[in-house]
N, C-alpha and C. Protein backbone atom coordinates (compact mmCIF):
# COMPACT_ATOMS: atom_id res chain seq x y z
N UNK A 1 16.86 -1.81 -10.53
CA UNK A 1 15.42 -0.65 -10.32
C UNK A 1 14.96 -1.39 -9.09
N UNK A 2 14.47 -0.22 -8.28
CA UNK A 2 14.44 -0.07 -6.78
C UNK A 2 13.14 0.15 -6.31
N UNK A 3 12.22 -0.67 -5.74
CA UNK A 3 11.11 -1.21 -5.05
C UNK A 3 11.17 -0.83 -3.64
N UNK A 4 9.89 -0.60 -2.86
CA UNK A 4 9.77 -1.40 -1.31
C UNK A 4 8.72 -2.08 -1.06
N UNK A 5 8.03 -3.12 -1.16
CA UNK A 5 6.99 -3.71 -1.06
C UNK A 5 7.14 -3.70 0.91
N UNK A 6 5.55 -2.72 0.79
CA UNK A 6 5.00 -2.71 1.45
C UNK A 6 4.68 -2.98 2.63
N UNK A 7 2.96 -4.30 2.00
CA UNK A 7 2.60 -5.08 2.34
C UNK A 7 2.28 -5.84 1.68
N UNK A 8 2.05 -7.63 2.68
CA UNK A 8 1.77 -8.35 1.18
C UNK A 8 0.33 -9.26 2.21
N UNK A 9 -0.40 -9.66 0.86
CA UNK A 9 -1.39 -10.45 1.69
C UNK A 9 -2.06 -11.81 1.21
N UNK A 10 -2.08 -12.89 1.97
CA UNK A 10 -1.93 -13.77 1.19
C UNK A 10 -3.93 -13.62 1.38
N UNK A 11 -4.69 -14.56 -0.05
CA UNK A 11 -6.02 -14.79 0.05
C UNK A 11 -5.79 -16.03 -0.44
N UNK A 12 -7.21 -17.18 0.25
CA UNK A 12 -7.21 -18.49 0.33
C UNK A 12 -8.86 -18.55 -0.46
N UNK A 13 -8.89 -17.24 -0.81
CA UNK A 13 -10.70 -17.87 -1.51
C UNK A 13 -10.79 -17.14 -3.16
N UNK A 14 -9.46 -16.26 -3.35
CA UNK A 14 -9.85 -15.07 -4.49
C UNK A 14 -10.28 -16.47 -5.73
N UNK A 15 -11.35 -15.68 -6.19
CA UNK A 15 -11.46 -16.90 -7.52
C UNK A 15 -11.60 -17.94 -7.64
N UNK A 16 -11.69 -18.65 -6.50
CA UNK A 16 -11.10 -19.80 -6.03
C UNK A 16 -9.79 -20.79 -6.15
N UNK A 17 -9.12 -19.33 -6.16
CA UNK A 17 -8.02 -19.95 -5.90
C UNK A 17 -6.88 -19.33 -4.85
N UNK A 18 -6.13 -19.51 -4.73
CA UNK A 18 -5.45 -18.64 -3.43
C UNK A 18 -4.92 -18.10 -4.31
N UNK A 19 -4.46 -17.14 -3.78
CA UNK A 19 -3.33 -15.75 -4.23
C UNK A 19 -2.59 -14.66 -3.23
N UNK A 20 -2.20 -14.06 -4.18
CA UNK A 20 -0.71 -13.35 -3.36
C UNK A 20 -0.94 -11.86 -3.50
N UNK A 21 -1.17 -11.19 -3.07
CA UNK A 21 -1.17 -9.45 -3.50
C UNK A 21 -0.19 -8.62 -2.52
N UNK A 22 1.01 -8.25 -3.36
CA UNK A 22 2.21 -7.22 -2.65
C UNK A 22 1.73 -5.60 -2.45
N UNK A 23 1.87 -5.17 -2.11
CA UNK A 23 1.41 -3.43 -2.07
C UNK A 23 2.88 -3.39 -2.55
N UNK A 24 3.07 -2.29 -3.11
CA UNK A 24 4.90 -1.72 -3.11
C UNK A 24 4.95 -0.55 -3.65
N UNK A 25 5.68 0.31 -3.80
CA UNK A 25 6.51 1.71 -4.32
C UNK A 25 7.69 2.04 -5.09
N UNK A 26 7.52 2.23 -5.80
CA UNK A 26 8.58 2.68 -7.00
C UNK A 26 8.14 4.18 -7.48
N UNK A 27 9.45 5.15 -7.89
CA UNK A 27 9.37 5.95 -8.24
C UNK A 27 8.76 7.01 -7.86
N UNK A 28 8.58 6.71 -6.13
CA UNK A 28 7.30 8.09 -5.55
C UNK A 28 6.15 7.54 -5.97
N UNK A 29 5.51 6.38 -6.17
CA UNK A 29 3.66 5.37 -6.60
C UNK A 29 4.03 4.34 -5.98
N UNK A 30 2.59 4.76 -5.71
CA UNK A 30 2.22 2.72 -5.11
C UNK A 30 1.65 2.22 -6.12
N UNK A 31 1.53 0.92 -6.29
CA UNK A 31 1.41 0.15 -6.92
C UNK A 31 1.16 -1.25 -6.33
N UNK A 32 -0.38 -2.28 -7.06
CA UNK A 32 -0.22 -3.57 -6.37
C UNK A 32 -0.37 -4.85 -7.30
N UNK A 33 0.43 -5.31 -6.78
CA UNK A 33 0.36 -6.86 -8.10
C UNK A 33 -0.39 -8.27 -7.26
N UNK A 34 -0.95 -8.76 -7.86
CA UNK A 34 -1.49 -9.94 -7.51
C UNK A 34 -0.93 -11.20 -8.24
N UNK A 35 -0.34 -12.02 -7.80
CA UNK A 35 0.06 -13.60 -8.17
C UNK A 35 -1.21 -14.05 -7.88
N UNK A 36 -0.79 -15.53 -8.86
CA UNK A 36 -1.65 -16.77 -8.94
C UNK A 36 -0.33 -17.67 -7.35
N UNK A 37 -1.13 -18.04 -6.42
CA UNK A 37 -0.05 -18.63 -5.59
C UNK A 37 0.45 -20.05 -5.66
N UNK A 38 -0.23 -20.58 -7.09
CA UNK A 38 0.34 -21.95 -6.88
C UNK A 38 0.66 -22.19 -8.15
N UNK A 39 1.37 -21.18 -9.45
CA UNK A 39 2.68 -20.91 -10.04
C UNK A 39 2.81 -19.26 -10.22
N UNK A 40 2.30 -18.46 -9.31
CA UNK A 40 3.04 -16.84 -9.38
C UNK A 40 2.96 -16.35 -10.98
N UNK A 41 1.52 -16.58 -11.36
CA UNK A 41 1.65 -15.87 -12.58
C UNK A 41 0.94 -14.77 -11.89
N UNK A 42 1.32 -13.27 -12.98
CA UNK A 42 0.32 -12.39 -12.10
C UNK A 42 -0.93 -12.22 -13.06
N UNK A 43 -1.93 -12.05 -11.77
CA UNK A 43 -3.16 -12.37 -11.72
C UNK A 43 -3.72 -11.06 -12.23
N UNK A 44 -3.03 -9.58 -11.81
CA UNK A 44 -3.49 -7.86 -12.32
C UNK A 44 -2.76 -7.64 -11.58
N UNK A 45 -2.00 -6.01 -12.33
CA UNK A 45 -1.46 -4.66 -11.65
C UNK A 45 -2.23 -3.78 -11.83
N UNK A 46 -1.66 -3.26 -10.23
CA UNK A 46 -2.50 -1.99 -10.44
C UNK A 46 -1.62 -0.55 -10.26
N UNK A 47 -1.97 0.97 -10.49
CA UNK A 47 -1.11 2.08 -10.16
C UNK A 47 -2.02 2.84 -9.36
N UNK A 48 -2.04 3.21 -8.66
CA UNK A 48 -3.11 3.97 -7.66
C UNK A 48 -2.58 5.51 -8.00
N UNK A 49 -3.36 5.94 -8.49
CA UNK A 49 -2.80 7.81 -8.79
C UNK A 49 -4.28 8.78 -7.99
N UNK A 50 -4.31 9.55 -8.53
CA UNK A 50 -5.43 10.34 -7.93
C UNK A 50 -6.28 10.13 -7.40
N UNK A 51 -6.14 9.49 -6.06
CA UNK A 51 -7.02 8.55 -5.33
C UNK A 51 -8.19 7.52 -6.41
N UNK A 52 -7.70 7.12 -7.27
CA UNK A 52 -8.14 5.90 -8.04
C UNK A 52 -6.80 5.20 -8.69
N UNK A 53 -7.42 3.87 -8.92
CA UNK A 53 -6.89 2.78 -9.40
C UNK A 53 -6.80 2.65 -10.78
N UNK A 54 -5.41 2.19 -11.64
CA UNK A 54 -5.54 2.12 -12.83
C UNK A 54 -4.79 1.06 -12.98
N UNK A 55 -5.13 0.01 -14.19
CA UNK A 55 -4.19 -0.32 -14.34
C UNK A 55 -2.75 -0.04 -14.86
N UNK A 56 -1.74 -1.24 -14.46
CA UNK A 56 0.12 -0.86 -14.50
C UNK A 56 0.13 -1.26 -15.21
N UNK A 57 1.61 -0.77 -16.00
CA UNK A 57 2.22 -1.51 -17.09
C UNK A 57 3.88 -1.31 -16.68
N UNK A 58 3.94 -2.71 -16.19
CA UNK A 58 5.03 -2.85 -15.36
C UNK A 58 5.94 -3.81 -16.45
N UNK A 59 7.63 -3.49 -16.29
CA UNK A 59 7.70 -4.30 -16.90
C UNK A 59 8.46 -5.24 -16.24
N UNK A 60 8.26 -6.66 -17.74
CA UNK A 60 8.80 -8.30 -17.62
C UNK A 60 10.24 -7.95 -16.18
N UNK A 61 11.07 -7.60 -16.59
CA UNK A 61 12.27 -7.37 -15.16
C UNK A 61 12.25 -6.74 -13.76
N UNK A 62 10.88 -6.05 -13.84
CA UNK A 62 10.06 -6.02 -12.51
C UNK A 62 9.34 -6.56 -12.15
N UNK A 63 8.71 -7.24 -12.63
CA UNK A 63 7.56 -8.32 -12.52
C UNK A 63 8.39 -9.68 -12.13
N UNK A 64 9.30 -10.08 -12.51
CA UNK A 64 10.07 -11.39 -12.26
C UNK A 64 11.18 -10.93 -10.66
N UNK A 65 11.37 -9.68 -10.64
CA UNK A 65 11.77 -9.12 -9.31
C UNK A 65 10.92 -9.28 -8.03
N UNK A 66 9.63 -8.99 -8.45
CA UNK A 66 8.40 -9.09 -7.99
C UNK A 66 8.47 -10.42 -7.23
N UNK A 67 8.07 -11.25 -8.28
CA UNK A 67 7.55 -12.58 -8.30
C UNK A 67 8.79 -13.67 -6.95
N UNK A 68 9.81 -13.27 -7.83
CA UNK A 68 11.16 -13.96 -6.83
C UNK A 68 10.95 -13.75 -4.90
N UNK A 69 10.54 -11.59 -4.84
CA UNK A 69 10.94 -11.44 -3.70
C UNK A 69 9.70 -11.94 -3.23
N UNK A 70 8.83 -12.20 -3.58
CA UNK A 70 6.95 -12.32 -3.36
C UNK A 70 7.17 -13.91 -2.27
N UNK A 71 7.59 -15.07 -3.27
CA UNK A 71 8.14 -16.27 -3.27
C UNK A 71 9.05 -16.67 -2.05
N UNK A 72 10.06 -15.82 -1.46
CA UNK A 72 11.29 -15.41 -0.77
C UNK A 72 10.28 -15.11 0.79
N UNK A 73 9.31 -14.46 0.67
CA UNK A 73 8.63 -13.72 1.91
C UNK A 73 7.42 -14.91 2.43
N UNK A 74 7.07 -15.66 1.26
CA UNK A 74 5.65 -16.60 2.11
C UNK A 74 6.30 -17.89 2.49
């Protein structure tokens, strides 16, 4: 499972709670995943295709890998 985190944003005001959004690429596609900063539960996932964003269906293994990677970076 190879991916590259390209950007991360820590937002202190999303929905009244802190969140962390990571933009990443995998298999020549661009995605974003947003975690609740307090417990790192997934808030949403998106894939960007044809100049639009669609809900992404990410595997549990990929989500867990991203979660651990994001935790280490903040």
